[in-house]
Amino acid sequence: MAAAILRRLNPTAAAAARVAPLLARAPARAVSDSTDPITVETSVPFVSHLLDPPSRETTTSARELLAFFRDMSVMRRAELAADSLYKAKLILGFCHLYDGQEAVAVGMEAAITRADAIITAYRDHCFYLARGGDLVAAFAELMGRRDGCSRGKGGSMHFYKKDANFFGGHGIVGAQVPLGCGIAFAQRYRKEGTVTFDLYGDGAANQGQLFEALNMAALWKLPVILVCENNHYGMGTAEWRASKSPAYYKRGDYVPGLKVDGMDVLAVKQACKFAKEHALENGPIILEMDTYRYHGHSMSDPGSTYRTRDEIAGIRQERDPIERVRKLILAHDLATAQELKDMEKEIRKQVETGIAKAKESPMPDPSELFKNVYVNDCGLESFGVDRKEVRTVLP
């Protein structure tokens, strides 16, 4: 059981060592480790634009469903912990949490390989984890520590993992979309046979740069999938107040699109697999992920002034991505309710351990301030305002 989930969760030896204790303490009655196929129908049909949609029938396994449950539960617990750290003023600046939307990150990762690229906006913590990121490095980055995934310089909005082709983490609304198309251009130019998943929110869907980049991507048939994570509120503005046409999967006009239940991890997996095959053969495609965030836009937003608490509770009760997978696991007798609760307890301990280790990481040295800004060793000097006194020589 342990080895199977480890291979699915993160293929590196370091990752195996990190989570092996959690699985080793599983109950005596081991949960199912079978890879036998299980056929499950997606929660709702796919809705398509300019193409035939994929089948609603998806194939999974006990191993995969348990990995989905664990991955999303780690993300949920990590984001709730980030909420507490922010309120304790251990995380400063902006902080945008992803709880509720975990199925998008996990389902996408299940459909692709680490050779494929992902780039997103500032709600990025869980994509870093999905790409194999370390909890300690994630929390260290959130707290601005030296051992963070961006060396403590990026904070919440600028996670990064180059070895897994995760290119952030971007704070300017919509600005990552042209960058993602540029990554796809490089993939095609090098004939890599890989794709880029280029994510943005419904709040960025009206950005001019998105349509400019999409036009070029269509002309050059770039292997890029534009993914609109439609959580229905751009900051505090409902989609219907901001967009004349909130059918974002159709907004590409001449570019095909697909609307997906972004709270159904198997639907996301099916759609992303379909989209990758399409992009490699035909060029760009738009996926609209119908999803929902439980927290406000950021930690400065209570998230209750522009929507009702009943609305949030209703989504939790009817569409929560983790609870959907829990029900599937129990329905197919892959684990007991108590075994899943025990797994969640171990995940809580794992997150707490990650936070404790991250707190031990020192703050970056002040000398780091000028690093990663200019090309090193190019002789740049910093002067005072009178330009007579050299204040420092930049690295």
Protein backbone atom coordinates (compact mmCIF):
# COMPACT_ATOMS: atom_id res chain seq x y z
CA MET A 1 0.00 0.00 0.00
CA ALA A 2 2.67 2.48 1.05
CA ALA A 3 4.91 1.96 -1.96
CA ALA A 4 1.97 2.18 -4.35
CA ILE A 5 0.70 5.50 -3.05
CA LEU A 6 4.21 6.89 -2.86
CA ARG A 7 4.81 6.16 -6.53
CA ARG A 8 1.59 7.96 -7.43
CA LEU A 9 2.06 10.87 -5.06
CA ASN A 10 5.67 11.68 -5.79
CA PRO A 11 8.16 9.50 -7.64
CA THR A 12 11.33 10.69 -5.93
CA ALA A 13 13.14 8.83 -3.20
CA ALA A 14 13.10 11.96 -1.04
CA ALA A 15 9.34 12.10 -1.24
CA ALA A 16 9.09 8.44 -0.34
CA ALA A 17 11.12 9.01 2.80
CA ARG A 18 8.96 12.00 3.65
CA VAL A 19 5.59 10.25 3.69
CA ALA A 20 6.50 6.61 4.37
CA PRO A 21 5.95 6.95 8.14
CA LEU A 22 2.39 8.15 7.54
CA LEU A 23 1.48 5.06 5.55
CA ALA A 24 3.47 2.65 7.68
CA ARG A 25 1.19 3.49 10.59
CA ALA A 26 -1.92 2.46 8.64
CA PRO A 27 -4.38 0.16 10.43
CA ALA A 28 -3.76 -3.58 10.51
CA ARG A 29 -6.47 -4.17 7.91
CA ALA A 30 -4.70 -2.67 4.92
CA VAL A 31 -6.81 -0.58 2.59
CA SER A 32 -7.09 -1.83 -0.96
CA ASP A 33 -3.98 -1.52 -3.13
CA SER A 34 -5.54 -2.90 -6.27
CA THR A 35 -4.88 -1.46 -9.71
CA ASP A 36 -7.88 -3.26 -11.17
CA PRO A 37 -9.94 -0.84 -13.25
CA ILE A 38 -13.01 0.78 -11.72
CA THR A 39 -15.41 2.56 -14.07
CA VAL A 40 -17.02 5.73 -12.72
CA GLU A 41 -19.27 8.20 -14.52
CA THR A 42 -18.52 11.90 -14.11
CA SER A 43 -20.90 13.91 -11.95
CA VAL A 44 -22.26 15.92 -14.89
CA PRO A 45 -21.74 15.76 -18.68
CA PHE A 46 -18.96 17.73 -20.31
CA VAL A 47 -20.20 20.71 -22.34
CA SER A 48 -18.19 21.42 -25.47
CA HIS A 49 -17.53 24.16 -27.99
CA LEU A 50 -16.36 23.32 -31.55
CA LEU A 51 -15.48 19.71 -30.70
CA ASP A 52 -16.97 16.44 -29.53
CA PRO A 53 -16.64 16.04 -25.76
CA PRO A 54 -14.87 13.10 -24.10
CA SER A 55 -16.82 10.22 -22.62
CA ARG A 56 -18.37 10.60 -19.18
CA GLU A 57 -17.09 7.13 -18.30
CA THR A 58 -13.74 7.38 -16.54
CA THR A 59 -11.42 4.59 -15.47
CA THR A 60 -9.70 4.66 -12.11
CA SER A 61 -8.46 2.19 -9.49
CA ALA A 62 -8.36 1.69 -5.75
CA ARG A 63 -4.78 2.89 -5.68
CA GLU A 64 -5.59 6.07 -7.57
CA LEU A 65 -8.70 6.94 -5.56
CA LEU A 66 -6.83 6.55 -2.29
CA ALA A 67 -4.00 8.69 -3.64
CA PHE A 68 -6.54 11.33 -4.70
CA PHE A 69 -8.04 11.31 -1.22
CA ARG A 70 -4.68 11.68 0.42
CA ASP A 71 -3.32 14.34 -1.95
CA MET A 72 -6.39 16.55 -1.64
CA SER A 73 -6.53 16.07 2.13
CA VAL A 74 -2.89 17.19 2.44
CA MET A 75 -3.69 20.28 0.40
CA ARG A 76 -6.81 21.07 2.43
CA ARG A 77 -4.99 20.69 5.75
CA ALA A 78 -2.04 22.76 4.51
CA GLU A 79 -4.28 25.61 3.41
CA LEU A 80 -6.19 25.62 6.71
CA ALA A 81 -2.84 25.71 8.51
CA ALA A 82 -1.77 28.66 6.34
CA ASP A 83 -4.91 30.47 7.48
CA SER A 84 -3.84 30.03 11.11
CA LEU A 85 -0.25 31.11 10.41
CA TYR A 86 -1.47 34.23 8.66
CA LYS A 87 -3.72 35.16 11.57
CA ALA A 88 -0.75 34.61 13.88
CA LYS A 89 1.22 37.08 11.69
CA LEU A 90 3.79 34.46 10.75
CA ILE A 91 2.73 34.88 7.11
CA LEU A 92 2.77 38.49 5.92
CA GLY A 93 1.62 40.20 2.74
CA PHE A 94 -0.92 38.65 0.41
CA CYS A 95 -2.14 35.09 0.86
CA HIS A 96 -4.70 33.43 -1.41
CA LEU A 97 -5.95 30.01 -0.31
CA TYR A 98 -7.09 27.14 -2.54
CA ASP A 99 -9.33 25.04 -0.25
CA GLY A 100 -12.33 23.83 -2.24
CA GLN A 101 -10.49 23.81 -5.57
CA GLU A 102 -8.12 20.90 -4.86
CA ALA A 103 -9.64 18.61 -7.50
CA VAL A 104 -8.30 20.83 -10.29
CA ALA A 105 -4.67 20.53 -9.19
CA VAL A 106 -4.86 16.81 -8.36
CA GLY A 107 -6.90 15.74 -11.38
CA MET A 108 -4.65 17.69 -13.73
CA GLU A 109 -1.50 16.13 -12.30
CA ALA A 110 -3.00 12.65 -12.72
CA ALA A 111 -3.50 13.23 -16.45
CA ILE A 112 -0.03 14.49 -17.37
CA THR A 113 3.67 13.98 -16.62
CA ARG A 114 6.27 16.13 -14.92
CA ALA A 115 7.70 16.86 -18.38
CA ASP A 116 4.54 18.88 -19.09
CA ALA A 117 4.53 22.42 -17.74
CA ILE A 118 2.11 24.24 -15.44
CA ILE A 119 1.92 27.98 -14.86
CA THR A 120 -0.72 29.72 -12.76
CA ALA A 121 -1.68 32.89 -10.93
CA TYR A 122 -1.24 33.65 -7.24
CA ARG A 123 -3.47 30.88 -5.79
CA ASP A 124 -0.56 28.53 -6.29
CA HIS A 125 0.33 26.59 -3.11
CA CYS A 126 -1.48 23.39 -4.07
CA PHE A 127 -0.08 23.25 -7.59
CA TYR A 128 3.38 23.32 -6.05
CA LEU A 129 2.43 20.39 -3.82
CA ALA A 130 0.82 18.53 -6.73
CA ARG A 131 4.06 18.85 -8.68
CA GLY A 132 5.90 17.06 -5.89
CA GLY A 133 6.69 20.05 -3.72
CA ASP A 134 7.75 19.62 -0.10
CA LEU A 135 5.56 20.78 2.79
CA VAL A 136 8.54 22.21 4.65
CA ALA A 137 9.62 24.25 1.63
CA ALA A 138 6.04 25.41 1.11
CA PHE A 139 5.57 26.68 4.65
CA ALA A 140 9.07 28.13 4.74
CA GLU A 141 8.26 30.14 1.61
CA LEU A 142 4.98 31.34 3.07
CA MET A 143 6.87 32.59 6.12
CA GLY A 144 9.67 34.15 4.06
CA ARG A 145 12.36 31.73 5.23
CA ARG A 146 15.61 30.74 3.54
CA ASP A 147 14.54 27.12 2.93
CA GLY A 148 11.44 28.15 1.00
CA CYS A 149 10.86 26.91 -2.54
CA SER A 150 11.73 30.41 -3.81
CA ARG A 151 14.37 30.97 -1.10
CA GLY A 152 11.95 33.07 0.93
CA LYS A 153 11.83 35.81 -1.72
CA GLY A 154 8.53 35.01 -3.39
CA GLY A 155 6.10 34.37 -0.58
CA SER A 156 2.59 33.09 -1.12
CA MET A 157 2.15 34.35 -4.67
CA HIS A 158 5.42 33.17 -6.17
CA PHE A 159 5.96 29.46 -5.57
CA TYR A 160 8.25 27.83 -8.13
CA LYS A 161 9.66 24.39 -8.89
CA LYS A 162 11.80 24.34 -12.00
CA ASP A 163 12.73 20.66 -11.82
CA ALA A 164 9.04 19.75 -12.11
CA ASN A 165 8.29 22.39 -14.78
CA PHE A 166 6.15 24.44 -12.41
CA PHE A 167 6.66 28.07 -13.41
CA GLY A 168 4.71 29.83 -10.66
CA GLY A 169 2.96 31.67 -9.04
CA HIS A 170 2.31 35.17 -10.63
CA GLY A 171 0.85 38.21 -8.90
CA ILE A 172 -0.27 40.34 -11.87
CA VAL A 173 -3.76 39.36 -12.98
CA GLY A 174 -3.60 37.51 -16.30
CA ALA A 175 0.10 38.19 -16.88
CA GLN A 176 1.02 34.50 -16.70
CA VAL A 177 -1.12 33.63 -19.73
CA PRO A 178 1.29 35.03 -22.38
CA LEU A 179 4.19 33.49 -20.44
CA GLY A 180 2.50 30.09 -20.59
CA CYS A 181 2.04 30.45 -24.34
CA GLY A 182 5.74 31.26 -24.55
CA ILE A 183 6.59 28.05 -22.70
CA ALA A 184 4.40 26.16 -25.18
CA PHE A 185 6.21 27.88 -28.05
CA ALA A 186 9.50 26.55 -26.68
CA GLN A 187 8.02 23.06 -26.33
CA ARG A 188 6.95 23.03 -29.95
CA TYR A 189 10.20 24.60 -31.18
CA ARG A 190 12.21 21.90 -29.40
CA LYS A 191 9.79 19.17 -30.56
CA GLU A 192 9.42 17.90 -27.00
CA GLY A 193 5.97 16.35 -27.41
CA THR A 194 4.82 18.04 -24.19
CA VAL A 195 2.17 20.64 -23.34
CA THR A 196 1.64 23.61 -21.04
CA PHE A 197 -1.37 24.02 -18.78
CA ASP A 198 -1.83 27.79 -18.54
CA LEU A 199 -4.18 28.67 -15.66
CA TYR A 200 -6.08 31.85 -14.86
CA GLY A 201 -9.22 32.77 -12.94
CA ASP A 202 -12.58 34.08 -14.09
CA GLY A 203 -11.43 37.48 -12.81
CA ALA A 204 -8.69 37.48 -15.46
CA ALA A 205 -10.89 36.16 -18.27
CA ASN A 206 -11.52 39.63 -19.73
CA GLN A 207 -7.85 40.61 -19.91
CA GLY A 208 -6.75 41.78 -23.35
CA GLN A 209 -3.40 40.03 -23.11
CA LEU A 210 -5.20 36.69 -22.78
CA PHE A 211 -6.84 37.10 -26.20
CA GLU A 212 -3.65 38.41 -27.83
CA ALA A 213 -1.71 35.39 -26.58
CA LEU A 214 -4.51 33.01 -27.57
CA ASN A 215 -4.56 34.42 -31.09
CA MET A 216 -0.84 33.78 -31.54
CA ALA A 217 -1.13 30.33 -29.98
CA ALA A 218 -3.90 29.44 -32.44
CA LEU A 219 -1.97 30.77 -35.43
CA TRP A 220 1.09 28.73 -34.49
CA LYS A 221 -0.85 25.71 -33.16
CA LEU A 222 1.01 25.82 -29.87
CA PRO A 223 0.54 22.90 -27.44
CA VAL A 224 -1.11 25.02 -24.76
CA ILE A 225 -4.25 24.39 -22.70
CA LEU A 226 -5.77 27.56 -21.27
CA VAL A 227 -7.54 26.63 -18.03
CA CYS A 228 -10.04 29.05 -16.56
CA GLU A 229 -10.56 28.18 -12.89
CA ASN A 230 -14.01 29.66 -12.59
CA ASN A 231 -14.73 29.94 -8.86
CA HIS A 232 -17.49 32.43 -9.75
CA TYR A 233 -16.07 35.45 -7.94
CA GLY A 234 -13.29 37.70 -9.17
CA MET A 235 -12.28 39.07 -5.79
CA GLY A 236 -15.73 40.13 -4.53
CA THR A 237 -17.39 40.53 -7.93
CA ALA A 238 -19.72 37.78 -9.15
CA GLU A 239 -19.01 36.54 -12.67
CA TRP A 240 -22.38 37.74 -14.01
CA ARG A 241 -21.53 41.30 -12.94
CA ALA A 242 -18.12 41.26 -14.65
CA SER A 243 -18.64 39.25 -17.85
CA LYS A 244 -21.36 39.70 -20.46
CA SER A 245 -20.72 36.09 -21.44
CA PRO A 246 -19.62 33.95 -18.47
CA ALA A 247 -19.42 30.83 -20.69
CA TYR A 248 -15.64 31.00 -20.55
CA TYR A 249 -15.08 27.77 -22.45
CA LYS A 250 -16.64 29.50 -25.50
CA ARG A 251 -14.69 32.71 -25.16
CA GLY A 252 -11.92 31.49 -27.45
CA ASP A 253 -14.32 31.89 -30.39
CA TYR A 254 -12.28 30.00 -33.02
CA VAL A 255 -10.52 27.95 -30.32
CA PRO A 256 -12.35 24.82 -29.07
CA GLY A 257 -13.42 24.64 -25.44
CA LEU A 258 -14.76 22.30 -22.80
CA LYS A 259 -16.68 22.99 -19.59
CA VAL A 260 -15.72 20.65 -16.74
CA ASP A 261 -16.99 20.04 -13.21
CA GLY A 262 -13.89 21.25 -11.41
CA MET A 263 -15.10 19.74 -8.14
CA ASP A 264 -14.94 16.22 -9.62
CA VAL A 265 -11.33 15.01 -9.67
CA LEU A 266 -12.09 12.22 -12.15
CA ALA A 267 -13.79 14.65 -14.53
CA VAL A 268 -10.76 16.94 -14.32
CA LYS A 269 -8.43 14.02 -15.04
CA GLN A 270 -10.54 12.93 -18.03
CA ALA A 271 -10.72 16.47 -19.43
CA CYS A 272 -7.01 17.18 -19.01
CA LYS A 273 -6.03 13.91 -20.68
CA PHE A 274 -8.38 14.75 -23.56
CA ALA A 275 -7.06 18.32 -23.77
CA LYS A 276 -3.43 17.22 -23.85
CA GLU A 277 -4.07 14.88 -26.76
CA HIS A 278 -5.98 17.62 -28.58
CA ALA A 279 -3.29 20.29 -28.02
CA LEU A 280 -0.47 18.08 -29.28
CA GLU A 281 -2.39 17.39 -32.46
CA ASN A 282 -4.37 20.57 -33.11
CA GLY A 283 -3.10 23.41 -30.95
CA PRO A 284 -4.78 25.35 -28.13
CA ILE A 285 -7.96 24.43 -26.30
CA ILE A 286 -9.77 26.13 -23.41
CA LEU A 287 -10.94 24.26 -20.32
CA GLU A 288 -13.37 25.98 -17.98
CA MET A 289 -13.21 24.39 -14.53
CA ASP A 290 -16.46 25.03 -12.67
CA THR A 291 -15.09 25.19 -9.13
CA TYR A 292 -15.47 27.07 -5.84
CA ARG A 293 -13.23 28.55 -3.14
CA TYR A 294 -14.30 28.30 0.49
CA HIS A 295 -12.11 31.13 1.74
CA GLY A 296 -12.44 34.71 0.57
CA HIS A 297 -10.39 36.01 -2.33
CA SER A 298 -7.44 36.53 -0.01
CA MET A 299 -6.93 36.50 3.73
CA SER A 300 -8.01 40.16 3.87
CA ASP A 301 -11.42 39.18 2.46
CA PRO A 302 -13.89 37.50 4.85
CA GLY A 303 -15.69 36.12 1.80
CA SER A 304 -19.15 36.62 3.26
CA THR A 305 -20.15 40.10 2.13
CA TYR A 306 -20.91 39.20 -1.49
CA ARG A 307 -22.22 35.65 -0.97
CA THR A 308 -24.23 33.95 1.75
CA ARG A 309 -23.00 31.45 4.29
CA ASP A 310 -25.78 29.15 3.08
CA GLU A 311 -24.28 29.22 -0.42
CA ILE A 312 -20.88 28.17 0.90
CA ALA A 313 -22.40 25.46 3.12
CA GLY A 314 -24.43 24.15 0.21
CA ILE A 315 -21.36 23.71 -1.97
CA ARG A 316 -19.52 21.96 0.87
CA GLN A 317 -22.40 19.58 1.38
CA GLU A 318 -23.15 18.76 -2.26
CA ARG A 319 -19.93 19.19 -4.25
CA ASP A 320 -16.89 19.03 -1.96
CA PRO A 321 -14.15 17.23 -3.94
CA ILE A 322 -12.70 15.32 -0.99
CA GLU A 323 -16.09 14.11 0.22
CA ARG A 324 -16.94 12.91 -3.29
CA VAL A 325 -13.84 10.71 -3.34
CA ARG A 326 -14.51 9.54 0.22
CA LYS A 327 -17.97 8.36 -0.89
CA LEU A 328 -16.48 6.50 -3.86
CA ILE A 329 -13.91 4.75 -1.66
CA LEU A 330 -16.58 3.67 0.82
CA ALA A 331 -19.05 2.64 -1.91
CA HIS A 332 -16.46 0.34 -3.50
CA ASP A 333 -15.29 -0.96 -0.10
CA LEU A 334 -11.71 0.18 -0.68
CA ALA A 335 -11.30 1.34 2.92
CA THR A 336 -13.43 1.88 5.99
CA ALA A 337 -14.55 5.25 7.29
CA GLN A 338 -12.27 4.82 10.30
CA GLU A 339 -9.26 4.07 8.11
CA LEU A 340 -9.82 7.29 6.18
CA LYS A 341 -10.14 9.23 9.44
CA ASP A 342 -6.87 7.68 10.64
CA MET A 343 -5.21 8.79 7.40
CA GLU A 344 -6.49 12.33 7.96
CA LYS A 345 -5.08 12.32 11.51
CA GLU A 346 -1.67 11.32 10.18
CA ILE A 347 -1.89 14.04 7.53
CA ARG A 348 -2.57 16.59 10.25
CA LYS A 349 0.58 15.43 12.07
CA GLN A 350 2.58 15.58 8.86
CA VAL A 351 1.48 19.18 8.24
CA GLU A 352 2.26 20.17 11.83
CA THR A 353 5.72 18.63 11.51
CA GLY A 354 6.29 20.53 8.27
CA ILE A 355 5.35 23.81 9.93
CA ALA A 356 7.64 23.16 12.89
CA LYS A 357 10.61 22.45 10.61
CA ALA A 358 9.82 25.50 8.46
CA LYS A 359 9.88 27.71 11.56
CA GLU A 360 13.42 26.52 12.25
CA SER A 361 14.59 27.86 8.89
CA PRO A 362 16.38 31.23 9.21
CA MET A 363 15.38 34.41 7.45
CA PRO A 364 17.36 35.20 4.28
CA ASP A 365 20.58 37.10 4.85
CA PRO A 366 20.31 40.82 3.93
CA SER A 367 22.99 40.24 1.30
CA GLU A 368 20.41 38.21 -0.64
CA LEU A 369 18.49 41.41 -1.40
CA PHE A 370 20.45 42.15 -4.57
CA LYS A 371 20.76 38.56 -5.79
CA ASN A 372 18.57 37.21 -8.59
CA VAL A 373 17.87 40.76 -9.76
CA TYR A 374 20.67 41.36 -12.25
CA VAL A 375 23.02 39.03 -14.10
CA ASN A 376 25.86 38.14 -11.76
CA ASP A 377 29.42 39.40 -12.21
CA CYS A 378 28.56 42.14 -14.70
CA GLY A 379 30.21 44.94 -12.72
CA LEU A 380 27.12 46.86 -11.64
CA GLU A 381 27.58 49.39 -8.86
CA SER A 382 25.03 51.15 -6.66
CA PHE A 383 25.58 54.87 -6.00
CA GLY A 384 23.99 57.39 -3.70
CA VAL A 385 21.75 60.11 -5.07
CA ASP A 386 24.71 62.35 -5.82
CA ARG A 387 26.38 59.54 -7.81
CA LYS A 388 29.74 60.32 -6.12
CA GLU A 389 29.86 57.60 -3.49
CA VAL A 390 29.68 53.92 -4.36
CA ARG A 391 27.31 52.32 -1.87
CA THR A 392 27.68 48.69 -2.94
CA VAL A 393 28.89 46.49 -5.76
CA LEU A 394 26.09 44.23 -6.89
CA PRO A 395 26.84 40.51 -7.17
